[in-house]
């Protein structure tokens, strides 16, 4: 009579359980972490697809109790342009001049608003799917958010470092098309 042992199966389940646990705790951890965030400084590479052309920026995002702003670091022709965000819009400032920023077609989003929109989504958005995976050289929480901006539905896929909860990369989709990709290079949150 053959003896069947469940030991290998039990060991496999126990080894997988911690990963499932991290994923299961992801939603409340993300909501708590970003909901209580008081300041942020992030350098991020933003790729925006306008349909007929793709543009890339290197941006510095700052959030404090007093102000929320984005500064263009690259391309060098635009370096120093700063956007101050406020409820209902944004003001672009450069060398004493101000003008409004334009939106990506059919999105309601300006490329310069990409990082603030991402932060707002992480703070207030609804996570519709999540899990853990190895991404960008680290163990990451992959969260899919559903949100609306300017009356337009967006899906945002974000990879967060499991240990620090800092964002690694974000992809924003409208009607199945990836319109914005943000790669986070330097992040300070608190």
N, C-alpha and C. Protein backbone atom coordinates (compact mmCIF):
# COMPACT_ATOMS: atom_id res chain seq x y z
N UNK A 1 0.84 -1.17 0.00
CA UNK A 1 0.00 0.00 0.00
C UNK A 1 0.89 1.24 0.00
N UNK A 2 0.58 2.17 -0.92
CA UNK A 2 1.37 3.39 -1.02
C UNK A 2 0.90 4.40 0.01
N UNK A 3 1.88 5.08 0.61
CA UNK A 3 1.56 6.17 1.52
C UNK A 3 1.63 7.48 0.74
N UNK A 4 0.63 8.28 0.88
CA UNK A 4 0.62 9.57 0.23
C UNK A 4 0.85 10.63 1.30
N UNK A 5 1.77 11.51 1.05
CA UNK A 5 2.06 12.53 2.05
C UNK A 5 1.66 13.92 1.53
N UNK A 6 1.11 14.70 2.40
CA UNK A 6 0.69 16.04 2.06
C UNK A 6 1.77 17.08 2.38
N UNK A 7 2.88 16.65 2.93
CA UNK A 7 3.93 17.57 3.36
C UNK A 7 4.38 18.51 2.24
N UNK A 8 4.69 18.03 1.03
CA UNK A 8 5.11 18.97 -0.01
C UNK A 8 4.03 20.00 -0.34
N UNK A 9 2.78 19.58 -0.35
CA UNK A 9 1.69 20.50 -0.65
C UNK A 9 1.54 21.53 0.47
N UNK A 10 1.64 21.11 1.71
CA UNK A 10 1.51 22.02 2.85
C UNK A 10 2.65 23.02 2.86
N UNK A 11 3.86 22.55 2.58
CA UNK A 11 5.02 23.46 2.54
C UNK A 11 4.83 24.49 1.43
N UNK A 12 4.36 24.06 0.27
CA UNK A 12 4.13 24.99 -0.84
C UNK A 12 3.10 26.05 -0.46
N UNK A 13 2.02 25.66 0.19
CA UNK A 13 0.98 26.61 0.61
C UNK A 13 1.55 27.59 1.63
N UNK A 14 2.33 27.11 2.58
CA UNK A 14 2.91 27.98 3.59
C UNK A 14 3.91 28.96 2.98
N UNK A 15 4.65 28.51 1.98
CA UNK A 15 5.60 29.41 1.32
C UNK A 15 4.87 30.49 0.51
N UNK A 16 3.73 30.16 -0.04
CA UNK A 16 2.97 31.13 -0.83
C UNK A 16 2.15 32.06 0.04
N UNK A 17 1.80 31.65 1.22
CA UNK A 17 0.92 32.44 2.09
C UNK A 17 1.44 33.85 2.37
N UNK A 18 2.72 34.05 2.69
CA UNK A 18 3.17 35.42 2.96
C UNK A 18 2.95 36.35 1.78
N UNK A 19 3.14 35.89 0.55
CA UNK A 19 2.93 36.75 -0.61
C UNK A 19 1.46 37.12 -0.72
N UNK A 20 0.58 36.18 -0.46
CA UNK A 20 -0.85 36.47 -0.50
C UNK A 20 -1.21 37.46 0.58
N UNK A 21 -0.59 37.32 1.75
CA UNK A 21 -0.85 38.21 2.86
C UNK A 21 -0.45 39.64 2.52
N UNK A 22 0.72 39.83 1.90
CA UNK A 22 1.14 41.17 1.51
C UNK A 22 0.12 41.77 0.56
N UNK A 23 -0.32 40.99 -0.44
CA UNK A 23 -1.32 41.49 -1.37
C UNK A 23 -2.62 41.82 -0.67
N UNK A 24 -3.04 40.98 0.28
CA UNK A 24 -4.28 41.20 1.01
C UNK A 24 -4.24 42.44 1.87
N UNK A 25 -3.07 42.79 2.36
CA UNK A 25 -2.92 43.99 3.18
C UNK A 25 -2.66 45.23 2.35
N UNK A 26 -2.47 45.06 1.05
CA UNK A 26 -2.07 46.17 0.18
C UNK A 26 -3.07 47.31 0.19
N UNK A 27 -4.34 47.01 0.05
CA UNK A 27 -5.35 48.06 -0.08
C UNK A 27 -5.38 48.95 1.17
N UNK A 28 -5.55 48.39 2.37
CA UNK A 28 -5.56 49.29 3.53
C UNK A 28 -4.23 49.99 3.75
N UNK A 29 -3.11 49.31 3.46
CA UNK A 29 -1.79 49.95 3.62
C UNK A 29 -1.65 51.14 2.67
N UNK A 30 -2.04 50.96 1.41
CA UNK A 30 -1.93 52.06 0.45
C UNK A 30 -2.84 53.22 0.83
N UNK A 31 -4.09 52.92 1.19
CA UNK A 31 -5.03 53.98 1.58
C UNK A 31 -4.53 54.73 2.81
N UNK A 32 -4.03 54.01 3.80
CA UNK A 32 -3.53 54.66 5.01
C UNK A 32 -2.29 55.49 4.71
N UNK A 33 -1.35 54.92 3.97
CA UNK A 33 -0.09 55.60 3.68
C UNK A 33 -0.32 56.88 2.90
N UNK A 34 -1.04 56.79 1.79
CA UNK A 34 -1.24 57.98 0.95
C UNK A 34 -2.32 58.91 1.50
N UNK A 35 -3.27 58.38 2.24
CA UNK A 35 -4.29 59.23 2.85
C UNK A 35 -3.73 60.13 3.94
N UNK A 36 -2.67 59.69 4.61
CA UNK A 36 -2.08 60.49 5.69
C UNK A 36 -0.83 61.27 5.24
N UNK A 37 -0.48 61.18 3.97
CA UNK A 37 0.71 61.86 3.45
C UNK A 37 0.53 63.37 3.56
N UNK A 38 1.53 64.05 4.13
CA UNK A 38 1.47 65.50 4.33
C UNK A 38 2.39 66.25 3.37
N UNK A 39 3.44 65.58 2.91
CA UNK A 39 4.34 66.23 1.95
C UNK A 39 4.91 65.18 1.01
N UNK A 40 5.35 65.66 -0.14
CA UNK A 40 5.97 64.77 -1.13
C UNK A 40 6.87 65.57 -2.05
N UNK A 41 7.97 64.97 -2.41
CA UNK A 41 8.84 65.48 -3.47
C UNK A 41 9.18 64.28 -4.33
N UNK A 42 8.90 64.39 -5.63
CA UNK A 42 9.14 63.28 -6.55
C UNK A 42 9.73 63.81 -7.84
N UNK A 43 10.80 63.19 -8.30
CA UNK A 43 11.30 63.42 -9.65
C UNK A 43 10.79 62.26 -10.49
N UNK A 44 10.18 62.59 -11.62
CA UNK A 44 9.53 61.56 -12.42
C UNK A 44 9.68 61.85 -13.90
N UNK A 45 9.90 60.79 -14.67
CA UNK A 45 9.92 60.88 -16.12
C UNK A 45 8.50 60.58 -16.60
N UNK A 46 7.90 61.53 -17.32
CA UNK A 46 6.53 61.41 -17.80
C UNK A 46 6.55 61.30 -19.32
N UNK A 47 5.89 60.26 -19.82
CA UNK A 47 5.73 60.05 -21.26
C UNK A 47 4.24 60.22 -21.55
N UNK A 48 3.92 61.20 -22.42
CA UNK A 48 2.52 61.51 -22.75
C UNK A 48 2.28 61.24 -24.23
N UNK A 49 1.23 60.47 -24.53
CA UNK A 49 0.88 60.12 -25.90
C UNK A 49 -0.31 60.98 -26.34
N UNK A 50 -0.05 61.94 -27.24
CA UNK A 50 -1.09 62.83 -27.75
C UNK A 50 -1.82 62.23 -28.94
N UNK A 51 -1.48 61.00 -29.33
CA UNK A 51 -2.10 60.37 -30.49
C UNK A 51 -1.29 60.59 -31.74
N UNK A 52 -0.97 61.85 -32.05
CA UNK A 52 -0.17 62.16 -33.24
C UNK A 52 1.31 62.37 -32.91
N UNK A 53 1.61 62.46 -31.62
CA UNK A 53 3.01 62.60 -31.19
C UNK A 53 3.14 62.17 -29.73
N UNK A 54 4.34 61.81 -29.36
CA UNK A 54 4.64 61.41 -27.97
C UNK A 54 5.69 62.39 -27.45
N UNK A 55 5.46 62.91 -26.25
CA UNK A 55 6.42 63.83 -25.64
C UNK A 55 6.86 63.26 -24.29
N UNK A 56 8.08 63.61 -23.90
CA UNK A 56 8.61 63.18 -22.61
C UNK A 56 9.11 64.38 -21.83
N UNK A 57 8.87 64.32 -20.54
CA UNK A 57 9.29 65.37 -19.62
C UNK A 57 9.98 64.73 -18.43
N UNK A 58 10.89 65.45 -17.81
CA UNK A 58 11.38 65.12 -16.48
C UNK A 58 10.82 66.21 -15.59
N UNK A 59 10.01 65.78 -14.61
CA UNK A 59 9.29 66.72 -13.75
C UNK A 59 9.68 66.54 -12.29
N UNK A 60 9.58 67.64 -11.54
CA UNK A 60 9.72 67.57 -10.08
C UNK A 60 8.38 68.00 -9.48
N UNK A 61 7.78 67.08 -8.72
CA UNK A 61 6.50 67.34 -8.07
C UNK A 61 6.76 67.66 -6.61
N UNK A 62 6.09 68.69 -6.10
CA UNK A 62 6.19 69.07 -4.69
C UNK A 62 4.79 69.24 -4.11
N UNK A 63 4.58 68.64 -2.97
CA UNK A 63 3.33 68.78 -2.24
C UNK A 63 3.70 69.18 -0.81
N UNK A 64 3.08 70.24 -0.34
CA UNK A 64 3.26 70.65 1.05
C UNK A 64 1.90 71.11 1.56
N UNK A 65 1.83 71.50 2.81
CA UNK A 65 0.58 72.01 3.35
C UNK A 65 0.19 73.32 2.69
N UNK A 66 1.17 74.06 2.17
CA UNK A 66 0.92 75.37 1.59
C UNK A 66 0.62 75.33 0.10
N UNK A 67 1.21 74.35 -0.63
CA UNK A 67 1.14 74.43 -2.09
C UNK A 67 1.39 73.07 -2.74
N UNK A 68 0.86 72.92 -3.94
CA UNK A 68 1.13 71.77 -4.78
C UNK A 68 1.64 72.31 -6.11
N UNK A 69 2.81 71.83 -6.56
CA UNK A 69 3.38 72.37 -7.79
C UNK A 69 4.17 71.30 -8.55
N UNK A 70 4.40 71.60 -9.83
CA UNK A 70 5.21 70.77 -10.70
C UNK A 70 6.17 71.69 -11.43
N UNK A 71 7.46 71.30 -11.46
CA UNK A 71 8.46 72.07 -12.19
C UNK A 71 9.05 71.19 -13.29
N UNK A 72 9.22 71.77 -14.48
CA UNK A 72 9.83 71.05 -15.60
C UNK A 72 11.35 71.10 -15.43
N UNK A 73 11.99 69.93 -15.44
CA UNK A 73 13.45 69.84 -15.39
C UNK A 73 14.02 69.58 -16.78
N UNK A 74 13.31 68.80 -17.59
CA UNK A 74 13.67 68.51 -18.98
C UNK A 74 12.39 68.43 -19.79
N UNK A 75 12.45 68.79 -21.06
CA UNK A 75 13.60 69.16 -21.87
C UNK A 75 14.17 70.52 -21.45
N UNK A 76 15.42 70.72 -21.77
CA UNK A 76 16.12 71.92 -21.31
C UNK A 76 15.46 73.20 -21.81
N UNK A 77 14.80 73.15 -22.99
CA UNK A 77 14.12 74.34 -23.51
C UNK A 77 12.97 74.79 -22.60
N UNK A 78 12.43 73.86 -21.83
CA UNK A 78 11.30 74.18 -20.95
C UNK A 78 11.68 74.19 -19.47
N UNK A 79 12.95 73.89 -19.17
CA UNK A 79 13.39 73.81 -17.78
C UNK A 79 13.10 75.12 -17.05
N UNK A 80 12.56 74.97 -15.85
CA UNK A 80 12.24 76.14 -15.03
C UNK A 80 10.77 76.51 -15.07
N UNK A 81 10.04 75.99 -16.04
CA UNK A 81 8.60 76.25 -16.07
C UNK A 81 7.98 75.56 -14.86
N UNK A 82 7.13 76.27 -14.17
CA UNK A 82 6.53 75.75 -12.95
C UNK A 82 5.01 75.89 -13.03
N UNK A 83 4.31 74.84 -12.66
CA UNK A 83 2.86 74.85 -12.64
C UNK A 83 2.42 74.77 -11.18
N UNK A 84 1.63 75.76 -10.76
CA UNK A 84 1.06 75.76 -9.42
C UNK A 84 -0.38 75.28 -9.57
N UNK A 85 -0.71 74.23 -8.86
CA UNK A 85 -2.04 73.63 -8.97
C UNK A 85 -2.94 74.15 -7.86
N UNK A 86 -4.19 74.36 -8.23
CA UNK A 86 -5.18 74.77 -7.26
C UNK A 86 -6.51 74.17 -7.68
N UNK A 87 -7.44 74.17 -6.78
CA UNK A 87 -8.75 73.59 -7.07
C UNK A 87 -9.34 74.26 -8.31
N UNK A 88 -9.70 73.43 -9.29
CA UNK A 88 -10.34 73.95 -10.49
C UNK A 88 -9.39 74.28 -11.62
N UNK A 89 -8.08 74.06 -11.46
CA UNK A 89 -7.19 74.34 -12.57
C UNK A 89 -5.75 74.45 -12.17
N UNK A 90 -4.97 75.03 -13.08
CA UNK A 90 -3.55 75.20 -12.83
C UNK A 90 -3.08 76.47 -13.51
N UNK A 91 -1.99 77.01 -13.00
CA UNK A 91 -1.39 78.21 -13.58
C UNK A 91 0.05 77.88 -13.90
N UNK A 92 0.44 78.11 -15.14
CA UNK A 92 1.81 77.88 -15.56
C UNK A 92 2.59 79.17 -15.38
N UNK A 93 3.73 79.08 -14.70
CA UNK A 93 4.53 80.27 -14.43
C UNK A 93 5.93 80.10 -14.97
N UNK A 94 6.46 81.15 -15.62
CA UNK A 94 7.85 81.13 -16.08
C UNK A 94 8.31 82.56 -16.24
N UNK A 95 9.35 82.90 -15.55
CA UNK A 95 9.99 84.21 -15.70
C UNK A 95 8.97 85.35 -15.60
N UNK A 96 8.05 85.23 -14.61
CA UNK A 96 7.07 86.28 -14.39
C UNK A 96 5.83 86.19 -15.27
N UNK A 97 5.79 85.24 -16.23
CA UNK A 97 4.63 85.09 -17.10
C UNK A 97 3.78 83.94 -16.62
N UNK A 98 2.49 83.96 -16.94
CA UNK A 98 1.57 82.89 -16.57
C UNK A 98 0.68 82.55 -17.76
N UNK A 99 0.39 81.26 -17.96
CA UNK A 99 -0.58 80.82 -18.96
C UNK A 99 -1.14 79.47 -18.55
N UNK A 100 -2.28 79.10 -19.18
CA UNK A 100 -2.92 77.82 -18.85
C UNK A 100 -2.21 76.68 -19.57
N UNK A 101 -2.39 75.47 -19.05
CA UNK A 101 -1.80 74.29 -19.68
C UNK A 101 -2.88 73.54 -20.46
N UNK A 102 -2.48 72.82 -21.50
CA UNK A 102 -3.43 72.08 -22.34
C UNK A 102 -3.55 70.63 -21.93
N UNK A 103 -4.68 70.03 -22.32
CA UNK A 103 -4.96 68.64 -21.95
C UNK A 103 -4.69 67.70 -23.11
N UNK A 104 -4.37 66.45 -22.78
CA UNK A 104 -4.27 65.40 -23.79
C UNK A 104 -5.66 65.18 -24.37
N UNK A 105 -5.78 64.98 -25.68
CA UNK A 105 -7.10 64.82 -26.29
C UNK A 105 -7.91 63.69 -25.64
N UNK A 106 -9.16 64.00 -25.29
CA UNK A 106 -10.06 62.99 -24.76
C UNK A 106 -9.75 62.51 -23.36
N UNK A 107 -8.88 63.22 -22.63
CA UNK A 107 -8.48 62.75 -21.30
C UNK A 107 -8.82 63.71 -20.17
N UNK A 108 -8.85 65.00 -20.46
CA UNK A 108 -9.02 65.99 -19.41
C UNK A 108 -7.75 66.22 -18.62
N UNK A 109 -6.62 65.64 -19.06
CA UNK A 109 -5.35 65.74 -18.32
C UNK A 109 -4.27 66.42 -19.14
N UNK A 110 -3.52 67.30 -18.49
CA UNK A 110 -2.31 67.86 -19.06
C UNK A 110 -1.14 66.97 -18.63
N UNK A 111 -0.12 66.81 -19.47
CA UNK A 111 1.05 66.03 -19.03
C UNK A 111 1.68 66.57 -17.75
N UNK A 112 1.60 67.89 -17.56
CA UNK A 112 2.18 68.47 -16.35
C UNK A 112 1.33 68.19 -15.12
N UNK A 113 0.10 67.72 -15.32
CA UNK A 113 -0.76 67.33 -14.20
C UNK A 113 -0.70 65.83 -13.92
N UNK A 114 0.13 65.11 -14.66
CA UNK A 114 0.17 63.64 -14.55
C UNK A 114 0.53 63.18 -13.14
N UNK A 115 1.58 63.72 -12.56
CA UNK A 115 2.00 63.28 -11.22
C UNK A 115 0.98 63.71 -10.15
N UNK A 116 0.52 64.98 -10.16
CA UNK A 116 -0.52 65.33 -9.17
C UNK A 116 -1.78 64.47 -9.31
N UNK A 117 -2.18 64.17 -10.55
CA UNK A 117 -3.34 63.31 -10.76
C UNK A 117 -3.09 61.92 -10.18
N UNK A 118 -1.88 61.40 -10.37
CA UNK A 118 -1.53 60.09 -9.81
C UNK A 118 -1.63 60.12 -8.28
N UNK A 119 -1.05 61.14 -7.67
CA UNK A 119 -1.09 61.25 -6.20
C UNK A 119 -2.53 61.35 -5.71
N UNK A 120 -3.33 62.16 -6.37
CA UNK A 120 -4.74 62.29 -5.99
C UNK A 120 -5.45 60.94 -6.11
N UNK A 121 -5.16 60.21 -7.17
CA UNK A 121 -5.77 58.89 -7.37
C UNK A 121 -5.36 57.95 -6.25
N UNK A 122 -4.09 57.94 -5.86
CA UNK A 122 -3.64 57.05 -4.78
C UNK A 122 -4.30 57.42 -3.47
N UNK A 123 -4.59 58.69 -3.27
CA UNK A 123 -5.19 59.15 -2.02
C UNK A 123 -6.69 58.90 -1.98
N UNK A 124 -7.37 59.07 -3.11
CA UNK A 124 -8.83 59.06 -3.11
C UNK A 124 -9.45 58.02 -4.03
N UNK A 125 -8.64 57.41 -4.90
CA UNK A 125 -9.17 56.51 -5.91
C UNK A 125 -9.61 55.16 -5.36
N UNK A 126 -10.30 54.44 -6.19
CA UNK A 126 -10.82 53.12 -5.83
C UNK A 126 -9.96 52.04 -6.48
N UNK A 127 -9.38 51.16 -5.65
CA UNK A 127 -8.57 50.05 -6.16
C UNK A 127 -9.53 48.94 -6.58
N UNK A 128 -9.45 48.57 -7.87
CA UNK A 128 -10.34 47.54 -8.41
C UNK A 128 -9.65 46.18 -8.55
N UNK A 129 -8.32 46.17 -8.50
CA UNK A 129 -7.55 44.92 -8.55
C UNK A 129 -6.17 45.18 -7.97
N UNK A 130 -5.57 44.13 -7.39
CA UNK A 130 -4.23 44.28 -6.82
C UNK A 130 -3.57 42.92 -6.69
N UNK A 131 -2.28 42.94 -6.49
CA UNK A 131 -1.51 41.73 -6.28
C UNK A 131 -0.05 42.10 -6.08
N UNK A 132 0.78 41.12 -5.90
CA UNK A 132 2.21 41.38 -5.77
C UNK A 132 2.93 40.68 -6.91
N UNK A 133 4.04 41.28 -7.32
CA UNK A 133 4.86 40.70 -8.38
C UNK A 133 6.25 41.31 -8.32
N UNK A 134 7.18 40.67 -8.98
CA UNK A 134 8.52 41.22 -9.10
C UNK A 134 8.49 42.16 -10.30
N UNK A 135 8.75 43.44 -10.07
CA UNK A 135 8.70 44.43 -11.14
C UNK A 135 9.79 45.46 -10.94
N UNK A 136 10.45 45.82 -12.00
CA UNK A 136 11.46 46.87 -11.98
C UNK A 136 12.55 46.60 -10.95
N UNK A 137 12.89 45.33 -10.81
CA UNK A 137 13.99 44.94 -9.93
C UNK A 137 13.65 44.84 -8.46
N UNK A 138 12.38 44.87 -8.10
CA UNK A 138 12.01 44.79 -6.70
C UNK A 138 10.65 44.10 -6.55
N UNK A 139 10.35 43.67 -5.34
CA UNK A 139 9.03 43.11 -5.06
C UNK A 139 8.05 44.28 -4.98
N UNK A 140 6.96 44.19 -5.73
CA UNK A 140 6.06 45.33 -5.86
C UNK A 140 4.61 44.93 -5.65
N UNK A 141 3.84 45.89 -5.17
CA UNK A 141 2.38 45.78 -5.15
C UNK A 141 1.91 46.40 -6.46
N UNK A 142 1.12 45.65 -7.20
CA UNK A 142 0.54 46.17 -8.45
C UNK A 142 -0.93 46.47 -8.16
N UNK A 143 -1.29 47.74 -8.22
CA UNK A 143 -2.66 48.16 -7.93
C UNK A 143 -3.27 48.79 -9.17
N UNK A 144 -4.52 48.45 -9.43
CA UNK A 144 -5.26 49.04 -10.54
C UNK A 144 -6.36 49.91 -9.94
N UNK A 145 -6.33 51.19 -10.28
CA UNK A 145 -7.30 52.17 -9.77
C UNK A 145 -8.28 52.54 -10.87
N UNK A 146 -9.51 52.80 -10.48
CA UNK A 146 -10.51 53.39 -11.37
C UNK A 146 -10.77 54.79 -10.85
N UNK A 147 -10.69 55.78 -11.72
CA UNK A 147 -10.92 57.16 -11.30
C UNK A 147 -11.52 57.94 -12.45
N UNK A 148 -11.97 59.13 -12.13
CA UNK A 148 -12.56 60.03 -13.12
C UNK A 148 -11.89 61.38 -13.00
N UNK A 149 -11.56 61.98 -14.14
CA UNK A 149 -10.99 63.33 -14.17
C UNK A 149 -11.65 64.06 -15.32
N UNK A 150 -12.27 65.19 -15.04
CA UNK A 150 -12.95 65.95 -16.08
C UNK A 150 -14.09 65.17 -16.73
N UNK A 151 -14.73 64.29 -15.95
CA UNK A 151 -15.84 63.49 -16.47
C UNK A 151 -15.41 62.31 -17.31
N UNK A 152 -14.10 62.03 -17.38
CA UNK A 152 -13.57 60.94 -18.20
C UNK A 152 -13.03 59.84 -17.29
N UNK A 153 -13.43 58.60 -17.56
CA UNK A 153 -12.99 57.44 -16.77
C UNK A 153 -11.56 57.06 -17.14
N UNK A 154 -10.74 56.88 -16.13
CA UNK A 154 -9.34 56.47 -16.30
C UNK A 154 -9.10 55.18 -15.53
N UNK A 155 -8.21 54.36 -16.03
CA UNK A 155 -7.68 53.22 -15.30
C UNK A 155 -6.20 53.49 -15.11
N UNK A 156 -5.73 53.37 -13.90
CA UNK A 156 -4.33 53.62 -13.59
C UNK A 156 -3.74 52.36 -12.97
N UNK A 157 -2.68 51.85 -13.58
CA UNK A 157 -1.95 50.71 -13.04
C UNK A 157 -0.69 51.27 -12.40
N UNK A 158 -0.49 50.96 -11.12
CA UNK A 158 0.65 51.50 -10.38
C UNK A 158 1.39 50.36 -9.69
N UNK A 159 2.72 50.43 -9.75
CA UNK A 159 3.56 49.48 -9.03
C UNK A 159 4.20 50.25 -7.88
N UNK A 160 3.97 49.76 -6.65
CA UNK A 160 4.54 50.36 -5.43
C UNK A 160 5.55 49.39 -4.83
N UNK A 161 6.66 49.90 -4.33
CA UNK A 161 7.62 49.08 -3.61
C UNK A 161 6.94 48.52 -2.36
N UNK A 162 7.02 47.21 -2.16
CA UNK A 162 6.35 46.56 -1.03
C UNK A 162 6.86 47.11 0.30
N UNK A 163 8.15 47.34 0.41
CA UNK A 163 8.73 47.78 1.68
C UNK A 163 8.45 49.25 2.01
N UNK A 164 8.68 50.15 1.04
CA UNK A 164 8.59 51.58 1.31
C UNK A 164 7.23 52.19 0.95
N UNK A 165 6.45 51.48 0.14
CA UNK A 165 5.17 51.96 -0.41
C UNK A 165 5.37 53.11 -1.41
N UNK A 166 6.61 53.38 -1.80
CA UNK A 166 6.87 54.42 -2.79
C UNK A 166 6.49 53.92 -4.18
N UNK A 167 6.00 54.82 -5.04
CA UNK A 167 5.65 54.42 -6.39
C UNK A 167 6.90 54.14 -7.22
N UNK A 168 6.81 53.14 -8.08
CA UNK A 168 7.90 52.81 -9.00
C UNK A 168 7.54 53.27 -10.42
N UNK A 169 6.30 52.96 -10.81
CA UNK A 169 5.84 53.28 -12.16
C UNK A 169 4.31 53.35 -12.16
N UNK A 170 3.79 54.18 -13.05
CA UNK A 170 2.35 54.34 -13.20
C UNK A 170 2.02 54.41 -14.68
N UNK A 171 0.93 53.74 -15.07
CA UNK A 171 0.44 53.81 -16.44
C UNK A 171 -1.04 54.17 -16.39
N UNK A 172 -1.43 55.22 -17.11
CA UNK A 172 -2.82 55.67 -17.13
C UNK A 172 -3.42 55.36 -18.50
N UNK A 173 -4.61 54.74 -18.46
CA UNK A 173 -5.30 54.31 -19.68
C UNK A 173 -6.65 54.98 -19.80
N UNK A 174 -7.00 55.36 -21.03
CA UNK A 174 -8.33 55.85 -21.37
C UNK A 174 -8.77 55.06 -22.60
N UNK A 175 -9.92 54.45 -22.53
CA UNK A 175 -10.43 53.61 -23.62
C UNK A 175 -9.41 52.57 -24.08
N UNK A 176 -8.67 52.00 -23.13
CA UNK A 176 -7.71 50.95 -23.42
C UNK A 176 -6.36 51.42 -23.94
N UNK A 177 -6.20 52.71 -24.19
CA UNK A 177 -4.94 53.25 -24.70
C UNK A 177 -4.11 53.84 -23.56
N UNK A 178 -2.82 53.50 -23.53
CA UNK A 178 -1.91 54.04 -22.52
C UNK A 178 -1.56 55.47 -22.93
N UNK A 179 -2.11 56.44 -22.21
CA UNK A 179 -1.88 57.85 -22.55
C UNK A 179 -0.75 58.49 -21.75
N UNK A 180 -0.51 57.97 -20.54
CA UNK A 180 0.53 58.52 -19.68
C UNK A 180 1.30 57.39 -19.00
N UNK A 181 2.62 57.48 -19.05
CA UNK A 181 3.48 56.56 -18.31
C UNK A 181 4.41 57.40 -17.45
N UNK A 182 4.43 57.11 -16.16
CA UNK A 182 5.30 57.84 -15.24
C UNK A 182 6.27 56.86 -14.62
N UNK A 183 7.56 57.16 -14.74
CA UNK A 183 8.60 56.38 -14.08
C UNK A 183 9.17 57.25 -12.97
N UNK A 184 9.05 56.79 -11.74
CA UNK A 184 9.49 57.58 -10.59
C UNK A 184 10.96 57.31 -10.33
N UNK A 185 11.75 58.38 -10.31
CA UNK A 185 13.20 58.27 -10.18
C UNK A 185 13.67 58.53 -8.77
N UNK A 186 13.09 59.52 -8.12
CA UNK A 186 13.46 59.87 -6.74
C UNK A 186 12.19 60.25 -6.01
N UNK A 187 11.98 59.66 -4.84
CA UNK A 187 10.73 59.87 -4.10
C UNK A 187 11.02 60.11 -2.63
N UNK A 188 10.46 61.18 -2.09
CA UNK A 188 10.49 61.44 -0.65
C UNK A 188 9.05 61.73 -0.23
N UNK A 189 8.55 60.96 0.72
CA UNK A 189 7.18 61.11 1.16
C UNK A 189 7.11 61.16 2.68
N UNK A 190 6.12 61.84 3.19
CA UNK A 190 5.93 61.87 4.63
C UNK A 190 4.60 62.40 5.04
